[in-house]
């Protein structure tokens, strides 16, 4: 797979990046270099290698799955610009 100047211009337009025309050819070379490096990774033999998320094996900490209200309603409502009877008061958005 190789990238052309048209591809670079299209990618820049999709990413909303204003790329000067004199820089397009340099980007073509850089992107093609990156893609050739990625193709080299496809040559690595990974048969029998187990997928991992981290190089250190340790169990993830677990907590009890309990539903609580946090017991801090008044502290939360203190941050609201307007509250009434324990609820946030917000402007009406739909008539």
C-alpha atoms as a PDB file:
ATOM      1  CA  UNK A   1       0.000   0.000   0.000  1.00  0.00           C
ATOM      2  CA  UNK A   2       1.298   3.407  -0.850  1.00  0.00           C
ATOM      3  CA  UNK A   3       0.025   6.928  -0.339  1.00  0.00           C
ATOM      4  CA  UNK A   4      -0.251   9.442  -3.168  1.00  0.00           C
ATOM      5  CA  UNK A   5      -0.331  13.242  -3.081  1.00  0.00           C
ATOM      6  CA  UNK A   6      -4.101  13.090  -3.695  1.00  0.00           C
ATOM      7  CA  UNK A   7      -4.474  10.832  -0.655  1.00  0.00           C
ATOM      8  CA  UNK A   8      -2.532  13.288   1.503  1.00  0.00           C
ATOM      9  CA  UNK A   9      -4.679  16.203   0.338  1.00  0.00           C
ATOM     10  CA  UNK A  10      -7.853  14.199   1.005  1.00  0.00           C
ATOM     11  CA  UNK A  11      -6.688  13.156   4.474  1.00  0.00           C
ATOM     12  CA  UNK A  12      -5.739  16.751   5.293  1.00  0.00           C
ATOM     13  CA  UNK A  13      -9.149  17.954   4.138  1.00  0.00           C
ATOM     14  CA  UNK A  14     -10.960  15.296   6.206  1.00  0.00           C
ATOM     15  CA  UNK A  15      -8.847  16.186   9.256  1.00  0.00           C
ATOM     16  CA  UNK A  16      -9.484  19.894   8.646  1.00  0.00           C
ATOM     17  CA  UNK A  17      -5.728  20.557   8.416  1.00  0.00           C
ATOM     18  CA  UNK A  18      -4.545  23.296   6.087  1.00  0.00           C
ATOM     19  CA  UNK A  19      -1.415  21.774   4.577  1.00  0.00           C
ATOM     20  CA  UNK A  20       0.690  23.898   2.202  1.00  0.00           C
ATOM     21  CA  UNK A  21       1.147  22.404  -1.266  1.00  0.00           C
ATOM     22  CA  UNK A  22       4.947  22.406  -0.946  1.00  0.00           C
ATOM     23  CA  UNK A  23       4.661  20.146   2.130  1.00  0.00           C
ATOM     24  CA  UNK A  24       2.467  17.487   0.450  1.00  0.00           C
ATOM     25  CA  UNK A  25       5.322  15.603  -1.241  1.00  0.00           C
ATOM     26  CA  UNK A  26       7.265  15.434   2.044  1.00  0.00           C
ATOM     27  CA  UNK A  27       4.187  14.018   3.764  1.00  0.00           C
ATOM     28  CA  UNK A  28       3.799  11.419   1.020  1.00  0.00           C
ATOM     29  CA  UNK A  29       7.312  10.168   1.758  1.00  0.00           C
ATOM     30  CA  UNK A  30       6.765  10.180   5.532  1.00  0.00           C
ATOM     31  CA  UNK A  31       3.449   8.337   5.351  1.00  0.00           C
ATOM     32  CA  UNK A  32       4.822   5.746   2.910  1.00  0.00           C
ATOM     33  CA  UNK A  33       7.755   5.194   5.308  1.00  0.00           C
ATOM     34  CA  UNK A  34       5.345   4.636   8.200  1.00  0.00           C
ATOM     35  CA  UNK A  35       3.248   2.219   6.152  1.00  0.00           C
ATOM     36  CA  UNK A  36       6.320   0.217   5.076  1.00  0.00           C
ATOM     37  CA  UNK A  37       7.372  -0.061   8.728  1.00  0.00           C
ATOM     38  CA  UNK A  38       3.884  -1.345   9.603  1.00  0.00           C
ATOM     39  CA  UNK A  39       4.149  -3.921   6.800  1.00  0.00           C
ATOM     40  CA  UNK A  40       7.413  -5.136   8.384  1.00  0.00           C
ATOM     41  CA  UNK A  41       5.490  -5.772  11.611  1.00  0.00           C
ATOM     42  CA  UNK A  42       3.202  -8.139   9.699  1.00  0.00           C
ATOM     43  CA  UNK A  43       6.246 -10.362   9.040  1.00  0.00           C
ATOM     44  CA  UNK A  44       6.788 -11.069  12.757  1.00  0.00           C
ATOM     45  CA  UNK A  45       5.842 -14.625  13.746  1.00  0.00           C
ATOM     46  CA  UNK A  46       3.374 -14.376  16.617  1.00  0.00           C
ATOM     47  CA  UNK A  47       2.126 -17.947  16.442  1.00  0.00           C
ATOM     48  CA  UNK A  48       1.523 -19.227  19.967  1.00  0.00           C
ATOM     49  CA  UNK A  49       2.072 -15.840  21.591  1.00  0.00           C
ATOM     50  CA  UNK A  50      -0.691 -15.037  24.048  1.00  0.00           C
ATOM     51  CA  UNK A  51      -2.248 -11.590  23.821  1.00  0.00           C
ATOM     52  CA  UNK A  52      -1.571  -9.370  26.807  1.00  0.00           C
ATOM     53  CA  UNK A  53      -2.746  -6.060  28.155  1.00  0.00           C
ATOM     54  CA  UNK A  54       0.290  -5.424  30.340  1.00  0.00           C
ATOM     55  CA  UNK A  55       3.717  -7.029  30.708  1.00  0.00           C
ATOM     56  CA  UNK A  56       3.165  -7.480  34.451  1.00  0.00           C
ATOM     57  CA  UNK A  57       0.668 -10.135  35.514  1.00  0.00           C
ATOM     58  CA  UNK A  58      -1.276  -9.178  38.603  1.00  0.00           C
ATOM     59  CA  UNK A  59      -4.942  -9.434  39.535  1.00  0.00           C
ATOM     60  CA  UNK A  60      -7.071  -6.352  39.113  1.00  0.00           C
ATOM     61  CA  UNK A  61      -8.443  -4.911  42.347  1.00  0.00           C
ATOM     62  CA  UNK A  62     -12.107  -5.694  42.797  1.00  0.00           C
ATOM     63  CA  UNK A  63     -14.669  -3.847  44.871  1.00  0.00           C
ATOM     64  CA  UNK A  64     -18.102  -4.914  45.944  1.00  0.00           C
ATOM     65  CA  UNK A  65     -20.735  -4.080  43.351  1.00  0.00           C
ATOM     66  CA  UNK A  66     -23.174  -2.167  45.545  1.00  0.00           C
ATOM     67  CA  UNK A  67     -25.672   0.488  44.568  1.00  0.00           C
ATOM     68  CA  UNK A  68     -25.448   3.517  46.845  1.00  0.00           C
ATOM     69  CA  UNK A  69     -26.548   7.109  46.670  1.00  0.00           C
ATOM     70  CA  UNK A  70     -23.159   8.294  47.917  1.00  0.00           C
ATOM     71  CA  UNK A  71     -24.701   9.736  51.083  1.00  0.00           C
ATOM     72  CA  UNK A  72     -23.695  13.257  50.026  1.00  0.00           C
ATOM     73  CA  UNK A  73     -26.817  14.730  48.406  1.00  0.00           C
ATOM     74  CA  UNK A  74     -26.542  18.017  50.267  1.00  0.00           C
ATOM     75  CA  UNK A  75     -22.895  18.497  49.204  1.00  0.00           C
ATOM     76  CA  UNK A  76     -23.785  17.827  45.569  1.00  0.00           C
ATOM     77  CA  UNK A  77     -26.794  20.133  45.626  1.00  0.00           C
ATOM     78  CA  UNK A  78     -24.666  22.882  47.206  1.00  0.00           C
ATOM     79  CA  UNK A  79     -22.924  23.205  43.812  1.00  0.00           C
ATOM     80  CA  UNK A  80     -26.206  23.710  41.943  1.00  0.00           C
ATOM     81  CA  UNK A  81     -27.278  27.244  41.058  1.00  0.00           C
ATOM     82  CA  UNK A  82     -30.849  26.294  42.015  1.00  0.00           C
ATOM     83  CA  UNK A  83     -32.325  23.316  43.871  1.00  0.00           C
ATOM     84  CA  UNK A  84     -35.705  22.490  45.380  1.00  0.00           C
ATOM     85  CA  UNK A  85     -36.714  19.659  47.742  1.00  0.00           C
ATOM     86  CA  UNK A  86     -33.493  17.746  47.138  1.00  0.00           C
ATOM     87  CA  UNK A  87     -33.519  18.012  43.322  1.00  0.00           C
ATOM     88  CA  UNK A  88     -31.736  20.138  40.726  1.00  0.00           C
ATOM     89  CA  UNK A  89     -33.919  22.842  39.201  1.00  0.00           C
ATOM     90  CA  UNK A  90     -33.210  23.385  35.518  1.00  0.00           C
ATOM     91  CA  UNK A  91     -34.853  25.604  32.897  1.00  0.00           C
ATOM     92  CA  UNK A  92     -37.596  24.034  30.836  1.00  0.00           C
ATOM     93  CA  UNK A  93     -36.175  22.965  27.473  1.00  0.00           C
ATOM     94  CA  UNK A  94     -39.221  21.413  25.779  1.00  0.00           C
ATOM     95  CA  UNK A  95     -42.654  23.029  25.655  1.00  0.00           C
END
